[in-house]
Amino acid sequence: MKPWLSKSAVQLREQIDDCFPDRDRSSDGWIGDARHSKSKSDHNPTRDTGVVRAIDVDKDLNKIKGLSVHLVEQLRLYAKADNRKRISYIIFDGKICSARGNWKYRTYKGFNPHKSHIHISFSPAGDQDRSFFDIPLLGGKA
């Protein structure tokens, strides 16, 4: 089965690309490498449908230092309020947030602290949902 990226992940990545067309993409990614395939990861295609439910976005969005921190905060607030529940968790700079912790930041204890990129994982609710993410830094009004 050919791997494919969650439609919500495609939508969010396109919004980021549209708002930051000249951003660094060296740490971007979506499908897992050999290291990912040896463990449970949303970068691995599901066995039943082949969907990949994670993207990595390089932290260097543009020349404004710290802008990625603001994007992560806006993603967190959006995920907390989103009735669709498309985003399942976000990891960046040694911190993770998810619904499990009421979208509060806590220390991430995984192998990769995600200092070079923002990791965004999506729920199965996002597999076929390509609706717009109403996030201010990404063209939204919220």
C-alpha atoms as a PDB file:
ATOM      1  CA  MET A   1       0.000   0.000   0.000  1.00  0.00           C
ATOM      2  CA  LYS A   2       1.381   3.368  -1.011  1.00  0.00           C
ATOM      3  CA  PRO A   3       1.839   5.797   1.935  1.00  0.00           C
ATOM      4  CA  TRP A   4      -0.121   9.039   1.834  1.00  0.00           C
ATOM      5  CA  LEU A   5      -0.206  12.071   4.079  1.00  0.00           C
ATOM      6  CA  SER A   6      -3.269  12.926   6.182  1.00  0.00           C
ATOM      7  CA  LYS A   7      -5.316  15.606   4.412  1.00  0.00           C
ATOM      8  CA  SER A   8      -5.220  17.799   7.518  1.00  0.00           C
ATOM      9  CA  ALA A   9      -1.422  17.542   7.507  1.00  0.00           C
ATOM     10  CA  VAL A  10      -1.331  18.496   3.826  1.00  0.00           C
ATOM     11  CA  GLN A  11      -3.573  21.492   4.519  1.00  0.00           C
ATOM     12  CA  LEU A  12      -1.525  22.749   7.460  1.00  0.00           C
ATOM     13  CA  ARG A  13       1.763  22.319   5.584  1.00  0.00           C
ATOM     14  CA  GLU A  14       0.352  24.232   2.591  1.00  0.00           C
ATOM     15  CA  GLN A  15      -0.791  27.087   4.832  1.00  0.00           C
ATOM     16  CA  ILE A  16       2.690  27.281   6.380  1.00  0.00           C
ATOM     17  CA  ASP A  17       4.302  27.219   2.926  1.00  0.00           C
ATOM     18  CA  ASP A  18       1.928  29.916   1.632  1.00  0.00           C
ATOM     19  CA  CYS A  19       2.658  32.231   4.578  1.00  0.00           C
ATOM     20  CA  PHE A  20       6.403  31.571   4.654  1.00  0.00           C
ATOM     21  CA  PRO A  21       7.370  30.789   1.033  1.00  0.00           C
ATOM     22  CA  ASP A  22      11.101  31.379   1.548  1.00  0.00           C
ATOM     23  CA  ARG A  23      11.407  29.449   4.806  1.00  0.00           C
ATOM     24  CA  ASP A  24      14.118  26.892   5.483  1.00  0.00           C
ATOM     25  CA  ARG A  25      12.840  23.386   4.741  1.00  0.00           C
ATOM     26  CA  SER A  26      15.944  21.405   5.679  1.00  0.00           C
ATOM     27  CA  SER A  27      14.279  19.816   8.732  1.00  0.00           C
ATOM     28  CA  ASP A  28      10.888  19.281   7.072  1.00  0.00           C
ATOM     29  CA  GLY A  29       9.511  15.808   6.634  1.00  0.00           C
ATOM     30  CA  TRP A  30       6.532  13.522   6.868  1.00  0.00           C
ATOM     31  CA  ILE A  31       7.381   9.885   6.203  1.00  0.00           C
ATOM     32  CA  GLY A  32       9.569   8.057   8.685  1.00  0.00           C
ATOM     33  CA  ASP A  33      13.094   6.900   8.005  1.00  0.00           C
ATOM     34  CA  ALA A  34      14.584   3.563   9.095  1.00  0.00           C
ATOM     35  CA  ARG A  35      14.915   4.750  12.722  1.00  0.00           C
ATOM     36  CA  HIS A  36      11.229   5.691  12.826  1.00  0.00           C
ATOM     37  CA  SER A  37      10.157   2.349  11.375  1.00  0.00           C
ATOM     38  CA  LYS A  38      11.628   0.500  14.362  1.00  0.00           C
ATOM     39  CA  SER A  39       9.286   2.213  16.811  1.00  0.00           C
ATOM     40  CA  LYS A  40       5.755   3.511  17.096  1.00  0.00           C
ATOM     41  CA  SER A  41       5.614   6.833  15.257  1.00  0.00           C
ATOM     42  CA  ASP A  42       2.974   8.881  13.470  1.00  0.00           C
ATOM     43  CA  HIS A  43       5.595   9.244  10.724  1.00  0.00           C
ATOM     44  CA  ASN A  44       5.035   5.564   9.872  1.00  0.00           C
ATOM     45  CA  PRO A  45       2.180   4.637   7.516  1.00  0.00           C
ATOM     46  CA  THR A  46      -0.694   2.830   9.212  1.00  0.00           C
ATOM     47  CA  ARG A  47      -0.997  -0.833   8.280  1.00  0.00           C
ATOM     48  CA  ASP A  48      -4.654  -0.642   7.317  1.00  0.00           C
ATOM     49  CA  THR A  49      -4.799   2.486   5.123  1.00  0.00           C
ATOM     50  CA  GLY A  50      -1.185   3.665   4.673  1.00  0.00           C
ATOM     51  CA  VAL A  51      -1.883   7.119   6.109  1.00  0.00           C
ATOM     52  CA  VAL A  52       0.965   9.062   7.725  1.00  0.00           C
ATOM     53  CA  ARG A  53      -0.261  11.349  10.503  1.00  0.00           C
ATOM     54  CA  ALA A  54       2.713  13.600  11.237  1.00  0.00           C
ATOM     55  CA  ILE A  55       4.696  16.424   9.722  1.00  0.00           C
ATOM     56  CA  ASP A  56       7.902  18.144  10.754  1.00  0.00           C
ATOM     57  CA  VAL A  57       8.297  21.837   9.952  1.00  0.00           C
ATOM     58  CA  ASP A  58      11.712  23.483  10.155  1.00  0.00           C
ATOM     59  CA  LYS A  59      11.855  26.014  12.989  1.00  0.00           C
ATOM     60  CA  ASP A  60      13.342  28.711  10.744  1.00  0.00           C
ATOM     61  CA  LEU A  61      10.173  30.148   9.245  1.00  0.00           C
ATOM     62  CA  ASN A  62      11.818  33.430   8.274  1.00  0.00           C
ATOM     63  CA  LYS A  63      14.320  35.951   9.591  1.00  0.00           C
ATOM     64  CA  ILE A  64      12.258  36.822  12.688  1.00  0.00           C
ATOM     65  CA  LYS A  65      13.903  35.107  15.639  1.00  0.00           C
ATOM     66  CA  GLY A  66      11.507  33.093  17.757  1.00  0.00           C
ATOM     67  CA  LEU A  67       8.620  33.121  15.300  1.00  0.00           C
ATOM     68  CA  SER A  68       8.369  29.328  15.526  1.00  0.00           C
ATOM     69  CA  VAL A  69       7.591  29.651  19.255  1.00  0.00           C
ATOM     70  CA  HIS A  70       4.637  31.882  18.360  1.00  0.00           C
ATOM     71  CA  LEU A  71       3.442  29.419  15.716  1.00  0.00           C
ATOM     72  CA  VAL A  72       3.607  26.542  18.186  1.00  0.00           C
ATOM     73  CA  GLU A  73       1.591  28.574  20.693  1.00  0.00           C
ATOM     74  CA  GLN A  74      -1.040  29.394  18.073  1.00  0.00           C
ATOM     75  CA  LEU A  75      -1.190  25.734  17.021  1.00  0.00           C
ATOM     76  CA  ARG A  76      -1.615  24.721  20.671  1.00  0.00           C
ATOM     77  CA  LEU A  77      -4.455  27.185  21.246  1.00  0.00           C
ATOM     78  CA  TYR A  78      -6.123  26.138  18.014  1.00  0.00           C
ATOM     79  CA  ALA A  79      -5.857  22.435  18.855  1.00  0.00           C
ATOM     80  CA  LYS A  80      -7.295  23.018  22.317  1.00  0.00           C
ATOM     81  CA  ALA A  81     -10.376  24.795  20.911  1.00  0.00           C
ATOM     82  CA  ASP A  82     -10.867  22.810  17.682  1.00  0.00           C
ATOM     83  CA  ASN A  83     -14.065  20.760  17.735  1.00  0.00           C
ATOM     84  CA  ARG A  84     -12.729  18.590  14.913  1.00  0.00           C
ATOM     85  CA  LYS A  85      -9.834  17.395  17.130  1.00  0.00           C
ATOM     86  CA  ARG A  86      -7.517  16.991  14.127  1.00  0.00           C
ATOM     87  CA  ILE A  87      -4.238  17.738  15.931  1.00  0.00           C
ATOM     88  CA  SER A  88      -3.304  15.088  18.480  1.00  0.00           C
ATOM     89  CA  TYR A  89      -0.040  16.535  19.817  1.00  0.00           C
ATOM     90  CA  ILE A  90       2.782  19.006  19.158  1.00  0.00           C
ATOM     91  CA  ILE A  91       6.454  18.662  20.100  1.00  0.00           C
ATOM     92  CA  PHE A  92       9.001  21.467  19.946  1.00  0.00           C
ATOM     93  CA  ASP A  93      12.144  22.485  21.815  1.00  0.00           C
ATOM     94  CA  GLY A  94      11.958  19.734  24.420  1.00  0.00           C
ATOM     95  CA  LYS A  95       8.259  20.276  25.198  1.00  0.00           C
ATOM     96  CA  ILE A  96       5.092  18.450  24.238  1.00  0.00           C
ATOM     97  CA  CYS A  97       1.433  19.397  24.511  1.00  0.00           C
ATOM     98  CA  SER A  98      -1.680  17.336  23.848  1.00  0.00           C
ATOM     99  CA  ALA A  99      -5.293  16.883  24.923  1.00  0.00           C
ATOM    100  CA  ARG A 100      -4.067  14.297  27.427  1.00  0.00           C
ATOM    101  CA  GLY A 101      -2.453  17.107  29.416  1.00  0.00           C
ATOM    102  CA  ASN A 102      -5.214  19.646  28.653  1.00  0.00           C
ATOM    103  CA  TRP A 103      -2.895  21.208  26.065  1.00  0.00           C
ATOM    104  CA  LYS A 104      -0.432  22.391  28.713  1.00  0.00           C
ATOM    105  CA  TYR A 105       3.278  22.163  27.938  1.00  0.00           C
ATOM    106  CA  ARG A 106       5.254  19.468  29.682  1.00  0.00           C
ATOM    107  CA  THR A 107       8.779  18.149  29.293  1.00  0.00           C
ATOM    108  CA  TYR A 108       9.217  15.818  26.343  1.00  0.00           C
ATOM    109  CA  LYS A 109      11.308  12.802  27.297  1.00  0.00           C
ATOM    110  CA  GLY A 110      11.623  11.150  23.904  1.00  0.00           C
ATOM    111  CA  PHE A 111      14.792  10.451  21.962  1.00  0.00           C
ATOM    112  CA  ASN A 112      14.668  13.617  19.835  1.00  0.00           C
ATOM    113  CA  PRO A 113      13.898  16.902  21.666  1.00  0.00           C
ATOM    114  CA  HIS A 114      12.767  18.482  18.361  1.00  0.00           C
ATOM    115  CA  LYS A 115      14.924  21.593  18.595  1.00  0.00           C
ATOM    116  CA  SER A 116      15.411  22.005  14.830  1.00  0.00           C
ATOM    117  CA  HIS A 117      11.788  21.500  13.854  1.00  0.00           C
ATOM    118  CA  ILE A 118       8.174  21.512  15.029  1.00  0.00           C
ATOM    119  CA  HIS A 119       6.550  18.080  15.089  1.00  0.00           C
ATOM    120  CA  ILE A 120       2.771  18.041  14.588  1.00  0.00           C
ATOM    121  CA  SER A 121       0.817  14.799  14.846  1.00  0.00           C
ATOM    122  CA  PHE A 122      -2.729  14.408  13.615  1.00  0.00           C
ATOM    123  CA  SER A 123      -5.598  12.219  14.739  1.00  0.00           C
ATOM    124  CA  PRO A 124      -7.582   9.884  12.477  1.00  0.00           C
ATOM    125  CA  ALA A 125     -10.216  12.653  12.374  1.00  0.00           C
ATOM    126  CA  GLY A 126      -7.837  14.551  10.097  1.00  0.00           C
ATOM    127  CA  ASP A 127      -7.266  11.776   7.587  1.00  0.00           C
ATOM    128  CA  GLN A 128      -9.936  13.078   5.188  1.00  0.00           C
ATOM    129  CA  ASP A 129     -10.460  16.602   6.592  1.00  0.00           C
ATOM    130  CA  ARG A 130      -8.755  19.262   4.507  1.00  0.00           C
ATOM    131  CA  SER A 131     -10.504  22.259   6.051  1.00  0.00           C
ATOM    132  CA  PHE A 132      -8.660  25.490   6.726  1.00  0.00           C
ATOM    133  CA  PHE A 133      -6.762  25.940  10.009  1.00  0.00           C
ATOM    134  CA  ASP A 134      -7.935  29.293  11.391  1.00  0.00           C
ATOM    135  CA  ILE A 135      -4.561  30.292  12.847  1.00  0.00           C
ATOM    136  CA  PRO A 136      -3.508  33.984  12.781  1.00  0.00           C
ATOM    137  CA  LEU A 137       0.102  33.418  11.654  1.00  0.00           C
ATOM    138  CA  LEU A 138      -1.244  31.226   8.848  1.00  0.00           C
ATOM    139  CA  GLY A 139      -3.859  33.564   7.414  1.00  0.00           C
ATOM    140  CA  GLY A 140      -6.630  32.924   9.924  1.00  0.00           C
ATOM    141  CA  LYS A 141      -8.692  35.453  11.865  1.00  0.00           C
ATOM    142  CA  ALA A 142      -8.814  33.785  15.273  1.00  0.00           C
END
